[in-house]
Amino acid sequence: MSDFSRILLFLVSCVFTQNIVFARALGFTAMGDERRVETAAGYGLVVALAMTLSSALAWLLDMLVLVPAGMIHLRIVAFALAVLVAVWLVEKLAVAARPALAESLGGSLMPVAANCALLGIAVLNYEAGYTLGQAVLSGLFGGLGFLVAIVLMAGVQERLETSRIPETLKGMPIALISASLIALAFMGFTGIA
């Protein structure tokens, strides 16, 4: 199998079958906040960039500092620090490149650091024993999976606002039903990757 085929299968796996939100149940913190597709897409893009950068920083911190110094017991703290630094850098980049995006997300992007998907992907990369390149691809593709998930959920939320829903299902129940149906649809990709 060629390298391109392996990368393509890894992409399908990260975005669909092993989606960080629907298969790993990480990153649900944002599901209720982003109800418009445009806002959700901006938030998802910021998280995808931060996830990619934090994956690289966490791997570098682990392999170049923690392992040689014998401080592997500080891995989670170091990964959390990598997430904070990555979100700070993405915030500076977003403010410089697209001030409207940063403003539409509330001015400060630091709450993105509280998204457990960012720390989760760093831990998953460590547990899988990925190289730096694999960790970066995992962060990028996991971020794309998060972007797809949050945009799909926002689209469903927009559609549900105009739909007649029984009173007992309004709010969180219909959101969970929607998420489970999307997760079930993503399982259709299991045979591919």
C-alpha atoms as a PDB file:
ATOM      1  CA  MET A   1       0.000   0.000   0.000  1.00  0.00           C
ATOM      2  CA  SER A   2       1.392   3.404  -0.934  1.00  0.00           C
ATOM      3  CA  ASP A   3       2.038   6.199   1.551  1.00  0.00           C
ATOM      4  CA  PHE A   4      -0.728   8.286  -0.023  1.00  0.00           C
ATOM      5  CA  SER A   5      -3.232   5.441   0.471  1.00  0.00           C
ATOM      6  CA  ARG A   6      -2.195   5.063   4.119  1.00  0.00           C
ATOM      7  CA  ILE A   7      -2.590   8.798   4.722  1.00  0.00           C
ATOM      8  CA  LEU A   8      -5.993   8.790   3.005  1.00  0.00           C
ATOM      9  CA  LEU A   9      -7.176   5.867   5.142  1.00  0.00           C
ATOM     10  CA  PHE A  10      -5.845   7.631   8.254  1.00  0.00           C
ATOM     11  CA  LEU A  11      -7.801  10.737   7.222  1.00  0.00           C
ATOM     12  CA  VAL A  12     -11.035   8.757   6.816  1.00  0.00           C
ATOM     13  CA  SER A  13     -10.396   7.025  10.119  1.00  0.00           C
ATOM     14  CA  CYS A  14      -9.763  10.253  12.059  1.00  0.00           C
ATOM     15  CA  VAL A  15     -12.625  12.184  10.488  1.00  0.00           C
ATOM     16  CA  PHE A  16     -15.289   9.476  10.398  1.00  0.00           C
ATOM     17  CA  THR A  17     -14.727   6.111  12.106  1.00  0.00           C
ATOM     18  CA  GLN A  18     -12.598   7.387  15.010  1.00  0.00           C
ATOM     19  CA  ASN A  19     -14.110  10.884  15.123  1.00  0.00           C
ATOM     20  CA  ILE A  20     -12.888  12.719  18.212  1.00  0.00           C
ATOM     21  CA  VAL A  21     -16.448  13.800  19.080  1.00  0.00           C
ATOM     22  CA  PHE A  22     -18.700  10.946  18.026  1.00  0.00           C
ATOM     23  CA  ALA A  23     -16.444   7.896  18.536  1.00  0.00           C
ATOM     24  CA  ARG A  24     -14.133   9.125  21.316  1.00  0.00           C
ATOM     25  CA  ALA A  25     -16.733  11.327  23.094  1.00  0.00           C
ATOM     26  CA  LEU A  26     -14.273  14.206  23.458  1.00  0.00           C
ATOM     27  CA  GLY A  27     -15.108  17.813  22.684  1.00  0.00           C
ATOM     28  CA  PHE A  28     -18.816  17.789  23.498  1.00  0.00           C
ATOM     29  CA  THR A  29     -18.279  20.978  25.503  1.00  0.00           C
ATOM     30  CA  ALA A  30     -18.717  23.057  22.355  1.00  0.00           C
ATOM     31  CA  MET A  31     -21.766  21.257  21.021  1.00  0.00           C
ATOM     32  CA  GLY A  32     -24.300  23.436  22.822  1.00  0.00           C
ATOM     33  CA  ASP A  33     -22.533  26.752  22.295  1.00  0.00           C
ATOM     34  CA  GLU A  34     -22.184  26.921  18.517  1.00  0.00           C
ATOM     35  CA  ARG A  35     -25.700  26.910  17.037  1.00  0.00           C
ATOM     36  CA  ARG A  36     -25.022  28.729  13.751  1.00  0.00           C
ATOM     37  CA  VAL A  37     -23.102  26.989  10.989  1.00  0.00           C
ATOM     38  CA  GLU A  38     -20.884  30.032  10.303  1.00  0.00           C
ATOM     39  CA  THR A  39     -19.889  30.408  13.966  1.00  0.00           C
ATOM     40  CA  ALA A  40     -19.430  26.657  14.333  1.00  0.00           C
ATOM     41  CA  ALA A  41     -17.187  26.562  11.261  1.00  0.00           C
ATOM     42  CA  GLY A  42     -15.001  29.353  12.668  1.00  0.00           C
ATOM     43  CA  TYR A  43     -14.803  27.658  16.048  1.00  0.00           C
ATOM     44  CA  GLY A  44     -14.058  24.301  14.417  1.00  0.00           C
ATOM     45  CA  LEU A  45     -11.295  25.834  12.326  1.00  0.00           C
ATOM     46  CA  VAL A  46      -9.714  27.398  15.401  1.00  0.00           C
ATOM     47  CA  VAL A  47      -9.885  24.075  17.255  1.00  0.00           C
ATOM     48  CA  ALA A  48      -8.441  22.210  14.250  1.00  0.00           C
ATOM     49  CA  LEU A  49      -5.474  24.602  14.080  1.00  0.00           C
ATOM     50  CA  ALA A  50      -4.962  24.449  17.839  1.00  0.00           C
ATOM     51  CA  MET A  51      -5.255  20.653  17.803  1.00  0.00           C
ATOM     52  CA  THR A  52      -2.624  20.350  15.083  1.00  0.00           C
ATOM     53  CA  LEU A  53      -0.230  22.714  16.828  1.00  0.00           C
ATOM     54  CA  SER A  54      -0.800  21.255  20.288  1.00  0.00           C
ATOM     55  CA  SER A  55      -0.186  17.731  18.964  1.00  0.00           C
ATOM     56  CA  ALA A  56       3.193  18.806  17.621  1.00  0.00           C
ATOM     57  CA  LEU A  57       4.103  20.773  20.763  1.00  0.00           C
ATOM     58  CA  ALA A  58       3.032  17.948  23.084  1.00  0.00           C
ATOM     59  CA  TRP A  59       5.082  15.408  21.135  1.00  0.00           C
ATOM     60  CA  LEU A  60       8.143  17.663  21.119  1.00  0.00           C
ATOM     61  CA  LEU A  61       7.805  18.409  24.826  1.00  0.00           C
ATOM     62  CA  ASP A  62       7.428  14.721  25.596  1.00  0.00           C
ATOM     63  CA  MET A  63      10.292  13.424  23.465  1.00  0.00           C
ATOM     64  CA  LEU A  64      12.763  16.278  23.887  1.00  0.00           C
ATOM     65  CA  VAL A  65      12.184  17.257  27.509  1.00  0.00           C
ATOM     66  CA  LEU A  66      10.168  14.795  29.589  1.00  0.00           C
ATOM     67  CA  VAL A  67      11.569  11.455  28.434  1.00  0.00           C
ATOM     68  CA  PRO A  68      15.271  12.495  28.487  1.00  0.00           C
ATOM     69  CA  ALA A  69      14.841  14.137  31.903  1.00  0.00           C
ATOM     70  CA  GLY A  70      12.947  11.151  33.299  1.00  0.00           C
ATOM     71  CA  MET A  71       9.918  13.294  34.146  1.00  0.00           C
ATOM     72  CA  ILE A  72       7.257  11.259  32.369  1.00  0.00           C
ATOM     73  CA  HIS A  73       5.001  11.572  35.412  1.00  0.00           C
ATOM     74  CA  LEU A  74       4.435  15.203  34.337  1.00  0.00           C
ATOM     75  CA  ARG A  75       3.098  14.226  30.914  1.00  0.00           C
ATOM     76  CA  ILE A  76      -0.489  15.430  31.429  1.00  0.00           C
ATOM     77  CA  VAL A  77       0.665  18.752  32.893  1.00  0.00           C
ATOM     78  CA  ALA A  78       3.074  19.227  29.990  1.00  0.00           C
ATOM     79  CA  PHE A  79       0.354  18.342  27.468  1.00  0.00           C
ATOM     80  CA  ALA A  80      -1.994  20.869  29.103  1.00  0.00           C
ATOM     81  CA  LEU A  81       0.757  23.487  28.857  1.00  0.00           C
ATOM     82  CA  ALA A  82       1.233  22.612  25.169  1.00  0.00           C
ATOM     83  CA  VAL A  83      -2.518  23.095  24.631  1.00  0.00           C
ATOM     84  CA  LEU A  84      -2.433  26.520  26.313  1.00  0.00           C
ATOM     85  CA  VAL A  85       0.548  27.637  24.237  1.00  0.00           C
ATOM     86  CA  ALA A  86      -1.052  26.343  21.028  1.00  0.00           C
ATOM     87  CA  VAL A  87      -4.335  28.141  21.715  1.00  0.00           C
ATOM     88  CA  TRP A  88      -2.467  31.345  22.579  1.00  0.00           C
ATOM     89  CA  LEU A  89      -0.531  31.150  19.290  1.00  0.00           C
ATOM     90  CA  VAL A  90      -3.677  30.402  17.286  1.00  0.00           C
ATOM     91  CA  GLU A  91      -5.414  33.332  18.990  1.00  0.00           C
ATOM     92  CA  LYS A  92      -2.597  35.692  18.007  1.00  0.00           C
ATOM     93  CA  LEU A  93      -2.692  34.332  14.461  1.00  0.00           C
ATOM     94  CA  ALA A  94      -6.498  34.614  14.241  1.00  0.00           C
ATOM     95  CA  VAL A  95      -6.540  38.180  15.551  1.00  0.00           C
ATOM     96  CA  ALA A  96      -3.840  39.184  13.060  1.00  0.00           C
ATOM     97  CA  ALA A  97      -5.321  37.348  10.066  1.00  0.00           C
ATOM     98  CA  ARG A  98      -9.074  37.496  10.699  1.00  0.00           C
ATOM     99  CA  PRO A  99     -10.120  39.927  13.456  1.00  0.00           C
ATOM    100  CA  ALA A 100     -13.784  39.329  12.597  1.00  0.00           C
ATOM    101  CA  LEU A 101     -13.398  35.611  13.346  1.00  0.00           C
ATOM    102  CA  ALA A 102     -11.903  36.264  16.763  1.00  0.00           C
ATOM    103  CA  GLU A 103     -14.625  38.806  17.474  1.00  0.00           C
ATOM    104  CA  SER A 104     -17.418  36.441  16.398  1.00  0.00           C
ATOM    105  CA  LEU A 105     -16.089  33.854  18.842  1.00  0.00           C
ATOM    106  CA  GLY A 106     -16.250  36.260  21.759  1.00  0.00           C
ATOM    107  CA  GLY A 107     -13.030  38.236  21.469  1.00  0.00           C
ATOM    108  CA  SER A 108     -10.770  35.805  23.326  1.00  0.00           C
ATOM    109  CA  LEU A 109     -10.095  32.285  22.117  1.00  0.00           C
ATOM    110  CA  MET A 110      -8.629  31.066  25.409  1.00  0.00           C
ATOM    111  CA  PRO A 111     -11.864  29.189  26.304  1.00  0.00           C
ATOM    112  CA  VAL A 112     -10.942  26.916  23.378  1.00  0.00           C
ATOM    113  CA  ALA A 113      -8.172  25.569  25.633  1.00  0.00           C
ATOM    114  CA  ALA A 114     -10.853  24.142  27.914  1.00  0.00           C
ATOM    115  CA  ASN A 115     -12.054  21.880  25.106  1.00  0.00           C
ATOM    116  CA  CYS A 116     -11.074  18.384  26.206  1.00  0.00           C
ATOM    117  CA  ALA A 117     -10.515  17.278  22.591  1.00  0.00           C
ATOM    118  CA  LEU A 118      -7.249  19.255  22.517  1.00  0.00           C
ATOM    119  CA  LEU A 119      -5.768  17.477  25.525  1.00  0.00           C
ATOM    120  CA  GLY A 120      -7.380  14.216  24.468  1.00  0.00           C
ATOM    121  CA  ILE A 121      -5.677  14.132  21.076  1.00  0.00           C
ATOM    122  CA  ALA A 122      -2.258  14.677  22.689  1.00  0.00           C
ATOM    123  CA  VAL A 123      -2.880  11.774  25.072  1.00  0.00           C
ATOM    124  CA  LEU A 124      -4.182   9.564  22.259  1.00  0.00           C
ATOM    125  CA  ASN A 125      -1.086  10.359  20.178  1.00  0.00           C
ATOM    126  CA  TYR A 126       1.151   9.379  23.084  1.00  0.00           C
ATOM    127  CA  GLU A 127      -0.778   6.147  23.724  1.00  0.00           C
ATOM    128  CA  ALA A 128      -0.571   5.206  20.028  1.00  0.00           C
ATOM    129  CA  GLY A 129       3.202   5.795  20.036  1.00  0.00           C
ATOM    130  CA  TYR A 130       3.080   8.106  17.035  1.00  0.00           C
ATOM    131  CA  THR A 131       6.104   9.772  15.490  1.00  0.00           C
ATOM    132  CA  LEU A 132       6.103  13.566  15.144  1.00  0.00           C
ATOM    133  CA  GLY A 133       4.679  13.392  11.615  1.00  0.00           C
ATOM    134  CA  GLN A 134       1.970  10.959  12.649  1.00  0.00           C
ATOM    135  CA  ALA A 135       1.091  13.099  15.685  1.00  0.00           C
ATOM    136  CA  VAL A 136       0.774  16.211  13.513  1.00  0.00           C
ATOM    137  CA  LEU A 137      -1.414  14.344  10.996  1.00  0.00           C
ATOM    138  CA  SER A 138      -3.488  12.932  13.844  1.00  0.00           C
ATOM    139  CA  GLY A 139      -3.979  16.440  15.234  1.00  0.00           C
ATOM    140  CA  LEU A 140      -4.831  17.856  11.812  1.00  0.00           C
ATOM    141  CA  PHE A 141      -7.211  15.064  10.832  1.00  0.00           C
ATOM    142  CA  GLY A 142      -8.709  14.910  14.334  1.00  0.00           C
ATOM    143  CA  GLY A 143      -9.278  18.660  14.093  1.00  0.00           C
ATOM    144  CA  LEU A 144     -10.965  18.189  10.723  1.00  0.00           C
ATOM    145  CA  GLY A 145     -13.138  15.532  12.330  1.00  0.00           C
ATOM    146  CA  PHE A 146     -14.046  17.998  15.084  1.00  0.00           C
ATOM    147  CA  LEU A 147     -14.816  20.630  12.440  1.00  0.00           C
ATOM    148  CA  VAL A 148     -17.090  18.222  10.554  1.00  0.00           C
ATOM    149  CA  ALA A 149     -18.831  17.198  13.791  1.00  0.00           C
ATOM    150  CA  ILE A 150     -19.490  20.702  15.069  1.00  0.00           C
ATOM    151  CA  VAL A 151     -20.679  21.992  11.680  1.00  0.00           C
ATOM    152  CA  LEU A 152     -23.022  19.011  11.287  1.00  0.00           C
ATOM    153  CA  MET A 153     -24.420  19.539  14.773  1.00  0.00           C
ATOM    154  CA  ALA A 154     -24.894  23.264  14.131  1.00  0.00           C
ATOM    155  CA  GLY A 155     -26.687  22.473  10.874  1.00  0.00           C
ATOM    156  CA  VAL A 156     -28.965  20.058  12.701  1.00  0.00           C
ATOM    157  CA  GLN A 157     -29.601  22.669  15.420  1.00  0.00           C
ATOM    158  CA  GLU A 158     -30.524  25.281  12.797  1.00  0.00           C
ATOM    159  CA  ARG A 159     -32.909  22.821  11.166  1.00  0.00           C
ATOM    160  CA  LEU A 160     -34.467  21.838  14.498  1.00  0.00           C
ATOM    161  CA  GLU A 161     -35.250  25.474  15.319  1.00  0.00           C
ATOM    162  CA  THR A 162     -37.812  25.508  12.514  1.00  0.00           C
ATOM    163  CA  SER A 163     -39.119  21.989  13.138  1.00  0.00           C
ATOM    164  CA  ARG A 164     -41.992  20.894  15.324  1.00  0.00           C
ATOM    165  CA  ILE A 165     -40.494  18.914  18.174  1.00  0.00           C
ATOM    166  CA  PRO A 166     -42.462  17.405  21.069  1.00  0.00           C
ATOM    167  CA  GLU A 167     -41.978  19.459  24.232  1.00  0.00           C
ATOM    168  CA  THR A 168     -40.323  16.563  26.090  1.00  0.00           C
ATOM    169  CA  LEU A 169     -37.593  16.262  23.453  1.00  0.00           C
ATOM    170  CA  LYS A 170     -36.646  19.943  23.167  1.00  0.00           C
ATOM    171  CA  GLY A 171     -33.142  20.990  24.159  1.00  0.00           C
ATOM    172  CA  MET A 172     -30.595  18.404  25.243  1.00  0.00           C
ATOM    173  CA  PRO A 173     -32.660  15.254  24.449  1.00  0.00           C
ATOM    174  CA  ILE A 174     -32.989  16.102  20.752  1.00  0.00           C
ATOM    175  CA  ALA A 175     -29.327  17.176  20.627  1.00  0.00           C
ATOM    176  CA  LEU A 176     -28.250  13.797  22.011  1.00  0.00           C
ATOM    177  CA  ILE A 177     -30.549  11.955  19.617  1.00  0.00           C
ATOM    178  CA  SER A 178     -29.095  13.971  16.725  1.00  0.00           C
ATOM    179  CA  ALA A 179     -25.521  13.270  17.840  1.00  0.00           C
ATOM    180  CA  SER A 180     -26.229   9.548  18.156  1.00  0.00           C
ATOM    181  CA  LEU A 181     -27.761   9.402  14.672  1.00  0.00           C
ATOM    182  CA  ILE A 182     -24.755  11.208  13.161  1.00  0.00           C
ATOM    183  CA  ALA A 183     -22.404   8.860  15.045  1.00  0.00           C
ATOM    184  CA  LEU A 184     -24.363   5.905  13.694  1.00  0.00           C
ATOM    185  CA  ALA A 185     -24.066   7.293  10.161  1.00  0.00           C
ATOM    186  CA  PHE A 186     -20.302   7.673  10.649  1.00  0.00           C
ATOM    187  CA  MET A 187     -20.113   3.995  11.584  1.00  0.00           C
ATOM    188  CA  GLY A 188     -20.915   3.257   7.945  1.00  0.00           C
ATOM    189  CA  PHE A 189     -17.298   4.135   7.181  1.00  0.00           C
ATOM    190  CA  THR A 190     -15.988   1.388   9.472  1.00  0.00           C
ATOM    191  CA  GLY A 191     -15.351  -1.055   6.644  1.00  0.00           C
ATOM    192  CA  ILE A 192     -13.263   1.523   4.757  1.00  0.00           C
ATOM    193  CA  ALA A 193     -10.757   2.497   7.434  1.00  0.00           C
END
